[in-house]
Amino acid sequence: MSLTPASDAAADAASATHPETRGIELIGDAERHGRPRDLFFVWAAPNVSVLNFTVGATLIVLGLELWQALLVIVAGALPWIFTGIIAISGPAAGTSGSVIMRAMYGVIGNRIVVAFMGWLVSAVYLALNWLAAAFLGADMLARLGWDSPIAAPIVVTIVVAAITVLVAVYGHGLILRTYTYVAVLLLAIFLVLTGFILPNVDWAYRAAEPLQGGALWSAASIGFAILASSPLSYINSPDMARYLPRSTEPGRIIAATALGGAVPGVFFTTIGALMATAVSAEDLQFGVEGVMLGMLPAALAPLLVFGVILNTVALNGMTTYTSSMALQAIGVPLRRIPAAIVVGVIGTALTIYLTLSTTFLSAVNLILQFLIVVAAPVMAIFVVDVVLRRNRYDGLDLFDDRPGGRYWYSGGWGVPGIVAFVVGIIASALCLSTDVWTGPIAEALGYIDLSVPVGVTVAGGLYAAMSREVAR
């Protein structure tokens, strides 16, 4: 694979009308384009999402009062600053984040980490978002007369997945040039829907059995872990920023990325919490999307379905795009477009499995909590590395995968990064509290979930302590 960009690849990358042939190859200074503020809409479009409504409703189901849920929502948005910080490494190195991570884990060690984080997490998020579209699309089809609990969600999944993969095939140019319009359209749609949800809100809502002491901290910590899992999982933020000029102000990249994800996330997660006050926990178990349909006039039901599908395509299109580059970074001998198709097929298969085996709400809560065990340590290590190196990454060195190269380290393994990664995962898992697995530390604390702060602190702190030479 060529490290220097070809002219046709550069044209493809800048165009919204041609498939992008470039993968993880380096981007030369002459090809850099765009403004930091464009990233706000790149991240806003995927995060004007029905998943936010679902997570917001979860906080009420956990037993929190409205004001407590709002505090947790704001706290859960703070990790978006980490997503913004690592984004600045994209323009500095001129390549994908999955390649930049060789600086942390070594050439060979990075393949293991990217296989876990860049690929496993991407596949799970693809399935999670396609799952929302599948359940809602099937519900809509049932209202139109096709009530098939198996065939309908499968058909919706396949159609939406095909469109999503097409977005990934066209790549960065299409995403950058269209997501502003997608974000504005989605914002308009969900604001209209919000207007019909708010009259149903029980503004005087009080939990039937108000939580206190350890039970309150347990519910709040679990809610925080679910919310934080989203920004902490976005180690692909350098991919979306890598075409920006090398001289772009880092602070503007951080702000545009973090605010683009956090602002719509906080707003619509809050609406989800408010919506949950109007229905029973039993109703929510069968899907927030069905509850939303019940609050809307019949004529607006298609608008909700369209909004969810558009958001799903926007989010999964970007995820599939960056995941295809992660597949290349692992060492799979595929060009980016075939790699995107492979990612799409795997994500589709996982989605179909989930549609036949679980409810949407239970799938969201469980999957997001388990993802944090891997996501928190990886994000912490990446942020610490950016800070220690002062965001100085040499793209040519990153692609030197021969023994003796700058990032070959010890037999291809970056010992500080690998040790921090493994220990961080173990520490996070010991503090995780879910219906399926509760770590001994979480159990001893009364089911308080400290997987996020512990995973971030242990992994980041250990990596910093073992990598002091990086700052020199």
Protein backbone atom coordinates (compact mmCIF):
# COMPACT_ATOMS: atom_id res chain seq x y z
CA MET A 1 0.00 0.00 0.00
CA SER A 2 1.41 3.37 -1.02
CA LEU A 3 2.23 5.80 1.76
CA THR A 4 2.15 8.90 -0.41
CA PRO A 5 -1.15 10.06 -1.90
CA ALA A 6 -1.85 9.67 -5.59
CA SER A 7 -3.61 12.48 -7.43
CA ASP A 8 -6.69 10.39 -8.19
CA ALA A 9 -7.01 9.46 -4.52
CA ALA A 10 -6.79 13.13 -3.60
CA ALA A 11 -9.56 13.98 -6.03
CA ASP A 12 -11.70 11.15 -4.71
CA ALA A 13 -11.24 12.28 -1.14
CA ALA A 14 -12.30 15.84 -1.91
CA SER A 15 -15.35 14.82 -3.94
CA ALA A 16 -18.79 13.92 -2.68
CA THR A 17 -19.70 12.35 -6.02
CA HIS A 18 -16.97 9.72 -6.38
CA PRO A 19 -16.08 6.78 -4.13
CA GLU A 20 -12.99 7.55 -2.05
CA THR A 21 -10.23 5.11 -2.92
CA ARG A 22 -7.86 6.33 -0.21
CA GLY A 23 -7.55 4.33 2.97
CA ILE A 24 -4.96 4.84 5.68
CA GLU A 25 -2.38 6.34 3.28
CA LEU A 26 -0.68 9.57 4.29
CA ILE A 27 -2.25 12.87 3.26
CA GLY A 28 0.18 15.42 1.90
CA ASP A 29 0.07 19.09 2.85
CA ALA A 30 -1.07 20.07 -0.65
CA GLU A 31 -4.21 17.96 -0.21
CA ARG A 32 -5.27 19.35 3.14
CA HIS A 33 -8.57 21.21 3.17
CA GLY A 34 -11.55 22.12 5.33
CA ARG A 35 -12.21 24.15 8.48
CA PRO A 36 -12.45 23.00 12.10
CA ARG A 37 -16.06 24.18 12.37
CA ASP A 38 -17.05 21.60 9.74
CA LEU A 39 -16.35 18.96 12.36
CA PHE A 40 -19.17 20.27 14.54
CA PHE A 41 -21.74 19.07 12.01
CA VAL A 42 -19.82 15.89 11.24
CA TRP A 43 -20.30 14.92 14.89
CA ALA A 44 -23.72 16.53 15.41
CA ALA A 45 -25.42 14.55 12.63
CA PRO A 46 -24.74 11.13 14.20
CA ASN A 47 -25.63 12.35 17.68
CA VAL A 48 -29.10 13.69 16.94
CA SER A 49 -30.16 10.15 17.69
CA VAL A 50 -33.01 8.01 19.02
CA LEU A 51 -30.35 6.33 21.18
CA ASN A 52 -30.22 9.53 23.21
CA PHE A 53 -33.95 9.22 23.93
CA THR A 54 -33.38 5.60 24.93
CA VAL A 55 -30.52 6.36 27.32
CA GLY A 56 -32.41 9.30 28.81
CA ALA A 57 -35.40 7.06 29.47
CA THR A 58 -33.06 4.51 31.06
CA LEU A 59 -32.08 7.02 33.74
CA ILE A 60 -35.70 7.27 34.86
CA VAL A 61 -36.13 3.50 34.72
CA LEU A 62 -33.11 3.22 37.02
CA GLY A 63 -35.07 5.22 39.59
CA LEU A 64 -33.51 8.69 39.33
CA GLU A 65 -35.49 11.87 39.81
CA LEU A 66 -35.53 14.30 36.89
CA TRP A 67 -32.99 16.70 38.43
CA GLN A 68 -30.70 13.81 39.27
CA ALA A 69 -30.98 12.48 35.72
CA LEU A 70 -30.06 15.91 34.33
CA LEU A 71 -26.91 16.06 36.46
CA VAL A 72 -25.89 12.60 35.27
CA ILE A 73 -26.54 13.60 31.63
CA VAL A 74 -24.28 16.65 31.90
CA ALA A 75 -21.58 14.63 33.64
CA GLY A 76 -21.82 11.92 30.98
CA ALA A 77 -21.13 14.50 28.26
CA LEU A 78 -17.83 15.65 29.79
CA PRO A 79 -15.77 12.79 28.23
CA TRP A 80 -16.43 14.38 24.82
CA ILE A 81 -13.43 16.57 25.61
CA PHE A 82 -11.28 13.43 25.31
CA THR A 83 -12.75 12.73 21.86
CA GLY A 84 -11.79 16.26 20.87
CA ILE A 85 -8.26 15.99 22.24
CA ILE A 86 -7.35 12.88 20.28
CA ALA A 87 -8.87 14.37 17.12
CA ILE A 88 -5.96 16.81 16.86
CA SER A 89 -3.58 13.90 16.18
CA GLY A 90 -5.25 13.37 12.78
CA PRO A 91 -3.96 16.57 11.12
CA ALA A 92 -0.60 16.20 12.91
CA ALA A 93 0.06 12.70 11.55
CA GLY A 94 -1.98 12.87 8.35
CA THR A 95 -3.41 9.39 8.76
CA SER A 96 -6.03 7.34 10.57
CA GLY A 97 -6.19 7.06 14.35
CA SER A 98 -5.86 3.28 14.00
CA VAL A 99 -2.37 3.88 12.56
CA ILE A 100 -1.43 6.64 15.03
CA MET A 101 -2.03 4.18 17.86
CA ARG A 102 1.13 2.32 16.77
CA ALA A 103 2.93 5.03 18.73
CA MET A 104 1.29 3.66 21.89
CA TYR A 105 1.22 -0.09 21.38
CA GLY A 106 3.90 -0.86 18.80
CA VAL A 107 3.37 -2.18 15.29
CA ILE A 108 2.27 -5.67 16.34
CA GLY A 109 0.64 -4.78 19.67
CA ASN A 110 -1.49 -2.18 17.92
CA ARG A 111 -3.09 -4.86 15.76
CA ILE A 112 -4.46 -6.53 18.87
CA VAL A 113 -5.79 -3.30 20.35
CA VAL A 114 -7.34 -2.13 17.06
CA ALA A 115 -8.92 -5.54 16.57
CA PHE A 116 -10.62 -5.10 19.96
CA MET A 117 -11.40 -1.39 19.93
CA GLY A 118 -11.43 -0.29 16.32
CA TRP A 119 -13.22 -3.35 15.09
CA LEU A 120 -15.19 -4.97 17.89
CA VAL A 121 -16.60 -1.68 19.12
CA SER A 122 -17.36 -0.53 15.58
CA ALA A 123 -19.23 -3.75 14.77
CA VAL A 124 -21.23 -3.51 18.00
CA TYR A 125 -22.17 0.12 17.41
CA LEU A 126 -23.21 -0.68 13.85
CA ALA A 127 -25.53 -3.36 15.19
CA LEU A 128 -26.82 -1.18 18.00
CA ASN A 129 -27.86 1.63 15.69
CA TRP A 130 -29.20 -0.60 12.95
CA LEU A 131 -31.18 -2.31 15.70
CA ALA A 132 -32.99 0.97 16.45
CA ALA A 133 -33.92 1.38 12.79
CA ALA A 134 -34.95 -2.27 12.53
CA PHE A 135 -37.34 -2.18 15.49
CA LEU A 136 -38.85 1.18 14.55
CA GLY A 137 -39.13 0.31 10.87
CA ALA A 138 -40.80 -3.00 11.75
CA ASP A 139 -43.22 -1.18 14.06
CA MET A 140 -44.13 1.19 11.24
CA LEU A 141 -44.62 -1.67 8.79
CA ALA A 142 -46.88 -3.39 11.32
CA ARG A 143 -49.05 -0.27 11.47
CA LEU A 144 -49.28 -0.40 7.68
CA GLY A 145 -50.40 -4.01 7.74
CA TRP A 146 -47.22 -6.10 7.51
CA ASP A 147 -46.97 -7.53 11.01
CA SER A 148 -44.03 -9.92 10.79
CA PRO A 149 -41.84 -9.90 13.93
CA ILE A 150 -39.04 -11.74 12.12
CA ALA A 151 -39.07 -10.80 8.43
CA ALA A 152 -39.87 -7.10 8.85
CA PRO A 153 -36.88 -6.10 11.05
CA ILE A 154 -34.56 -8.22 8.91
CA VAL A 155 -35.69 -6.53 5.70
CA VAL A 156 -35.36 -3.07 7.27
CA THR A 157 -31.88 -3.94 8.55
CA ILE A 158 -30.66 -5.10 5.15
CA VAL A 159 -32.00 -2.04 3.32
CA VAL A 160 -30.61 0.46 5.84
CA ALA A 161 -27.28 -1.38 6.00
CA ALA A 162 -26.92 -1.25 2.21
CA ILE A 163 -27.45 2.52 2.19
CA THR A 164 -25.03 2.91 5.08
CA VAL A 165 -22.26 0.99 3.35
CA LEU A 166 -22.78 3.15 0.26
CA VAL A 167 -22.08 6.26 2.36
CA ALA A 168 -18.91 4.60 3.68
CA VAL A 169 -17.79 3.74 0.16
CA TYR A 170 -18.07 7.39 -0.94
CA GLY A 171 -16.24 8.30 2.22
CA HIS A 172 -14.81 11.52 3.62
CA GLY A 173 -15.85 13.85 0.80
CA LEU A 174 -19.51 12.86 1.02
CA ILE A 175 -19.51 12.95 4.82
CA LEU A 176 -17.87 16.37 5.05
CA ARG A 177 -20.04 17.99 2.38
CA THR A 178 -23.43 16.55 3.33
CA TYR A 179 -23.44 16.10 7.11
CA THR A 180 -24.09 19.81 7.71
CA TYR A 181 -27.39 19.48 5.85
CA VAL A 182 -28.09 16.13 7.51
CA ALA A 183 -27.51 17.61 10.96
CA VAL A 184 -29.82 20.57 10.29
CA LEU A 185 -32.53 18.30 8.86
CA LEU A 186 -32.30 15.87 11.76
CA LEU A 187 -32.39 18.73 14.27
CA ALA A 188 -35.56 20.07 12.64
CA ILE A 189 -37.20 16.63 12.63
CA PHE A 190 -36.42 15.81 16.25
CA LEU A 191 -37.40 19.28 17.44
CA VAL A 192 -40.80 18.81 15.79
CA LEU A 193 -41.12 15.42 17.47
CA THR A 194 -40.04 16.95 20.79
CA GLY A 195 -42.87 19.44 20.48
CA PHE A 196 -45.36 16.54 20.61
CA ILE A 197 -43.52 14.74 23.43
CA LEU A 198 -43.34 17.66 25.87
CA PRO A 199 -47.12 17.98 26.44
CA ASN A 200 -47.08 14.41 27.76
CA VAL A 201 -44.34 15.09 30.32
CA ASP A 202 -45.18 14.75 33.99
CA TRP A 203 -43.37 17.85 35.22
CA ALA A 204 -44.24 16.95 38.81
CA TYR A 205 -42.77 13.47 38.41
CA ARG A 206 -41.44 11.80 41.52
CA ALA A 207 -40.00 8.31 41.67
CA ALA A 208 -42.36 5.84 43.34
CA GLU A 209 -39.60 4.87 45.76
CA PRO A 210 -36.99 7.67 45.86
CA LEU A 211 -33.45 6.30 45.93
CA GLN A 212 -31.12 7.14 48.76
CA GLY A 213 -27.58 6.31 49.85
CA GLY A 214 -25.90 3.43 48.07
CA ALA A 215 -28.91 2.71 45.84
CA LEU A 216 -28.83 6.29 44.52
CA TRP A 217 -25.10 6.20 43.86
CA SER A 218 -25.48 2.83 42.14
CA ALA A 219 -28.18 4.10 39.75
CA ALA A 220 -26.32 7.34 39.04
CA SER A 221 -23.00 5.57 38.40
CA ILE A 222 -24.58 3.01 36.06
CA GLY A 223 -26.30 5.80 34.16
CA PHE A 224 -23.03 7.71 33.90
CA ALA A 225 -21.22 4.63 32.57
CA ILE A 226 -23.87 4.15 29.86
CA LEU A 227 -23.68 7.81 28.82
CA ALA A 228 -19.87 8.03 28.91
CA SER A 229 -19.48 4.93 26.77
CA SER A 230 -20.49 6.90 23.67
CA PRO A 231 -17.80 9.64 23.64
CA LEU A 232 -15.16 7.29 25.04
CA SER A 233 -15.72 4.87 22.17
CA TYR A 234 -14.99 7.43 19.45
CA ILE A 235 -11.28 6.74 18.97
CA ASN A 236 -12.02 7.37 15.28
CA SER A 237 -12.15 11.16 15.74
CA PRO A 238 -8.64 11.60 14.22
CA ASP A 239 -9.95 9.96 11.02
CA MET A 240 -12.53 12.69 10.49
CA ALA A 241 -10.02 15.50 11.18
CA ARG A 242 -7.03 14.14 9.27
CA TYR A 243 -7.67 16.17 6.10
CA LEU A 244 -7.46 19.50 7.93
CA PRO A 245 -4.32 21.60 7.29
CA ARG A 246 -1.45 20.80 9.61
CA SER A 247 -1.48 24.41 10.86
CA THR A 248 -5.10 24.25 12.06
CA GLU A 249 -5.51 25.55 15.62
CA PRO A 250 -5.83 22.46 17.88
CA GLY A 251 -8.21 24.22 20.27
CA ARG A 252 -10.72 24.75 17.47
CA ILE A 253 -10.60 21.08 16.50
CA ILE A 254 -11.16 20.06 20.12
CA ALA A 255 -14.07 22.47 20.56
CA ALA A 256 -15.83 21.60 17.29
CA THR A 257 -15.54 17.85 17.89
CA ALA A 258 -16.53 17.92 21.56
CA LEU A 259 -19.43 20.36 21.17
CA GLY A 260 -20.70 18.63 18.04
CA GLY A 261 -21.19 15.44 20.00
CA ALA A 262 -22.10 16.84 23.41
CA VAL A 263 -24.69 19.52 22.60
CA PRO A 264 -27.26 17.36 20.76
CA GLY A 265 -26.48 14.48 23.08
CA VAL A 266 -27.30 16.45 26.23
CA PHE A 267 -30.43 18.01 24.76
CA PHE A 268 -32.08 14.90 23.36
CA THR A 269 -31.03 12.65 26.23
CA THR A 270 -32.81 15.12 28.50
CA ILE A 271 -35.92 14.89 26.30
CA GLY A 272 -35.73 11.10 26.62
CA ALA A 273 -35.71 11.39 30.40
CA LEU A 274 -38.70 13.74 30.30
CA MET A 275 -40.57 11.42 27.97
CA ALA A 276 -40.07 8.50 30.35
CA THR A 277 -42.08 10.30 33.04
CA ALA A 278 -45.22 9.88 30.94
CA VAL A 279 -45.13 6.08 30.59
CA SER A 280 -44.51 3.01 32.68
CA ALA A 281 -41.22 1.13 32.88
CA GLU A 282 -42.99 -1.88 31.35
CA ASP A 283 -43.88 0.14 28.24
CA LEU A 284 -40.28 1.27 27.87
CA GLN A 285 -38.97 -2.29 27.96
CA PHE A 286 -40.59 -2.87 24.57
CA GLY A 287 -38.77 0.07 23.03
CA VAL A 288 -38.60 3.84 23.31
CA GLU A 289 -39.31 4.07 19.61
CA GLY A 290 -42.74 2.50 20.10
CA VAL A 291 -43.50 4.90 22.96
CA MET A 292 -42.55 7.84 20.74
CA LEU A 293 -44.83 6.59 17.97
CA GLY A 294 -47.67 6.41 20.46
CA MET A 295 -47.21 10.08 21.40
CA LEU A 296 -47.31 11.32 17.82
CA PRO A 297 -50.24 11.92 15.49
CA ALA A 298 -50.46 9.10 12.97
CA ALA A 299 -49.48 11.47 10.17
CA LEU A 300 -46.13 12.19 11.84
CA ALA A 301 -45.15 8.57 12.45
CA PRO A 302 -43.32 8.34 9.09
CA LEU A 303 -41.35 11.46 10.05
CA LEU A 304 -39.99 9.70 13.12
CA VAL A 305 -39.10 6.60 11.11
CA PHE A 306 -37.36 8.74 8.48
CA GLY A 307 -35.44 10.66 11.16
CA VAL A 308 -34.25 7.50 12.89
CA ILE A 309 -33.17 5.89 9.62
CA LEU A 310 -31.39 9.07 8.44
CA ASN A 311 -29.55 9.33 11.75
CA THR A 312 -28.66 5.65 11.64
CA VAL A 313 -27.22 6.02 8.15
CA ALA A 314 -25.24 9.12 9.22
CA LEU A 315 -23.77 7.49 12.32
CA ASN A 316 -23.12 4.06 10.86
CA GLY A 317 -21.84 5.50 7.61
CA MET A 318 -19.08 7.27 9.52
CA THR A 319 -18.46 4.22 11.72
CA THR A 320 -18.21 1.88 8.73
CA TYR A 321 -15.89 4.33 6.99
CA THR A 322 -13.44 4.53 9.88
CA SER A 323 -13.79 0.82 10.70
CA SER A 324 -12.69 -0.07 7.18
CA MET A 325 -9.43 1.76 7.85
CA ALA A 326 -9.07 -0.03 11.17
CA LEU A 327 -9.31 -3.29 9.24
CA GLN A 328 -6.45 -2.12 7.03
CA ALA A 329 -4.38 -1.10 10.07
CA ILE A 330 -4.76 -4.58 11.52
CA GLY A 331 -3.01 -5.87 8.40
CA VAL A 332 -5.91 -7.36 6.42
CA PRO A 333 -4.84 -7.09 2.75
CA LEU A 334 -7.94 -5.26 1.51
CA ARG A 335 -8.42 -1.86 -0.06
CA ARG A 336 -10.70 0.47 1.86
CA ILE A 337 -13.87 -0.06 -0.19
CA PRO A 338 -13.88 -3.88 0.02
CA ALA A 339 -13.02 -3.53 3.72
CA ALA A 340 -16.08 -1.30 4.22
CA ILE A 341 -18.28 -3.93 2.59
CA VAL A 342 -16.88 -6.65 4.86
CA VAL A 343 -17.54 -4.48 7.94
CA GLY A 344 -21.10 -3.88 6.75
CA VAL A 345 -21.80 -7.57 6.27
CA ILE A 346 -20.55 -8.46 9.76
CA GLY A 347 -22.53 -5.63 11.36
CA THR A 348 -25.66 -6.68 9.49
CA ALA A 349 -25.34 -10.27 10.69
CA LEU A 350 -24.94 -9.14 14.31
CA THR A 351 -27.95 -6.84 13.99
CA ILE A 352 -30.16 -9.62 12.68
CA TYR A 353 -29.09 -11.82 15.58
CA LEU A 354 -29.97 -9.09 18.10
CA THR A 355 -33.38 -8.42 16.51
CA LEU A 356 -34.30 -12.06 17.10
CA SER A 357 -32.97 -12.36 20.65
CA THR A 358 -33.52 -9.17 22.66
CA THR A 359 -35.46 -5.98 23.23
CA PHE A 360 -33.92 -2.70 22.16
CA LEU A 361 -33.71 -1.16 25.63
CA SER A 362 -32.01 -4.15 27.23
CA ALA A 363 -29.56 -4.44 24.32
CA VAL A 364 -28.57 -0.76 24.55
CA ASN A 365 -27.96 -0.79 28.29
CA LEU A 366 -26.02 -4.03 28.42
CA ILE A 367 -23.86 -3.45 25.34
CA LEU A 368 -22.92 0.13 26.25
CA GLN A 369 -21.85 -0.89 29.73
CA PHE A 370 -19.66 -3.74 28.51
CA LEU A 371 -18.06 -1.57 25.83
CA ILE A 372 -16.80 0.82 28.48
CA VAL A 373 -14.46 -1.87 29.84
CA VAL A 374 -12.37 -1.60 26.67
CA ALA A 375 -13.22 1.94 25.58
CA ALA A 376 -12.23 3.78 28.77
CA PRO A 377 -8.64 2.45 28.94
CA VAL A 378 -7.98 2.91 25.21
CA MET A 379 -9.26 6.49 25.20
CA ALA A 380 -7.25 7.35 28.33
CA ILE A 381 -4.01 6.00 26.85
CA PHE A 382 -4.59 7.90 23.59
CA VAL A 383 -5.25 11.19 25.41
CA VAL A 384 -2.17 10.79 27.62
CA ASP A 385 -0.02 10.00 24.58
CA VAL A 386 -1.20 13.13 22.74
CA VAL A 387 -0.36 15.23 25.80
CA LEU A 388 3.02 13.60 26.45
CA ARG A 389 4.12 13.94 22.82
CA ARG A 390 2.66 17.46 22.56
CA ASN A 391 0.78 16.12 19.53
CA ARG A 392 3.96 15.50 17.55
CA TYR A 393 3.47 12.48 15.28
CA ASP A 394 5.55 11.64 12.22
CA GLY A 395 3.41 9.93 9.61
CA LEU A 396 6.33 8.32 7.78
CA ASP A 397 7.65 6.79 11.01
CA LEU A 398 4.20 5.43 11.81
CA PHE A 399 4.23 3.46 8.56
CA ASP A 400 7.72 2.06 9.13
CA ASP A 401 6.69 -1.42 10.30
CA ARG A 402 10.15 -3.01 9.96
CA PRO A 403 12.15 -4.26 12.96
CA GLY A 404 14.22 -1.35 14.19
CA GLY A 405 11.64 1.24 13.18
CA ARG A 406 10.76 4.04 15.58
CA TYR A 407 7.57 2.31 16.73
CA TRP A 408 8.79 -1.27 16.59
CA TYR A 409 9.77 -1.01 20.26
CA SER A 410 10.34 -4.47 21.84
CA GLY A 411 9.72 -7.06 19.16
CA GLY A 412 6.84 -4.99 17.76
CA TRP A 413 5.20 -4.41 21.14
CA GLY A 414 4.90 -1.12 23.02
CA VAL A 415 5.16 -2.53 26.54
CA PRO A 416 3.83 0.54 28.43
CA GLY A 417 0.79 0.75 26.19
CA ILE A 418 -0.02 -2.96 26.26
CA VAL A 419 0.43 -3.21 30.03
CA ALA A 420 -1.74 -0.14 30.62
CA PHE A 421 -4.36 -1.50 28.21
CA VAL A 422 -4.61 -4.92 29.89
CA VAL A 423 -4.45 -3.63 33.46
CA GLY A 424 -6.97 -0.89 32.63
CA ILE A 425 -9.45 -3.43 31.24
CA ILE A 426 -9.08 -5.65 34.32
CA ALA A 427 -9.52 -2.70 36.68
CA SER A 428 -12.55 -1.45 34.77
CA ALA A 429 -14.15 -4.91 34.71
CA LEU A 430 -13.67 -5.30 38.47
CA CYS A 431 -15.69 -2.11 38.95
CA LEU A 432 -18.44 -2.84 36.39
CA SER A 433 -22.03 -3.42 37.50
CA THR A 434 -24.48 -5.01 35.02
CA ASP A 435 -27.27 -7.57 35.11
CA VAL A 436 -24.92 -10.12 33.56
CA TRP A 437 -21.63 -9.34 35.31
CA THR A 438 -20.82 -7.45 38.48
CA GLY A 439 -17.19 -7.06 39.42
CA PRO A 440 -16.14 -7.83 43.00
CA ILE A 441 -15.25 -4.20 43.70
CA ALA A 442 -18.61 -2.98 42.41
CA GLU A 443 -20.39 -5.61 44.50
CA ALA A 444 -18.44 -4.69 47.61
CA LEU A 445 -19.40 -1.04 47.10
CA GLY A 446 -23.10 -1.84 46.85
CA TYR A 447 -23.28 -2.16 43.05
CA ILE A 448 -21.78 1.27 42.44
CA ASP A 449 -20.29 1.27 38.92
CA LEU A 450 -16.86 2.94 38.88
CA SER A 451 -15.76 1.30 35.61
CA VAL A 452 -15.29 4.65 33.83
CA PRO A 453 -13.26 6.66 36.36
CA VAL A 454 -11.22 3.62 37.39
CA GLY A 455 -10.57 2.47 33.82
CA VAL A 456 -9.52 5.96 32.74
CA THR A 457 -7.39 6.67 35.83
CA VAL A 458 -5.62 3.31 36.02
CA ALA A 459 -4.86 3.00 32.29
CA GLY A 460 -3.94 6.65 31.79
CA GLY A 461 -1.91 6.91 34.98
CA LEU A 462 -0.02 3.67 34.40
CA TYR A 463 0.79 4.61 30.80
CA ALA A 464 2.02 8.05 31.87
CA ALA A 465 4.22 6.55 34.58
CA MET A 466 5.76 3.99 32.20
CA SER A 467 6.20 6.37 29.24
CA ARG A 468 7.96 9.40 30.60
CA GLU A 469 10.56 9.24 27.86
CA VAL A 470 7.81 9.97 25.32
CA ALA A 471 7.66 13.56 26.54
CA ARG A 472 11.33 14.15 25.75
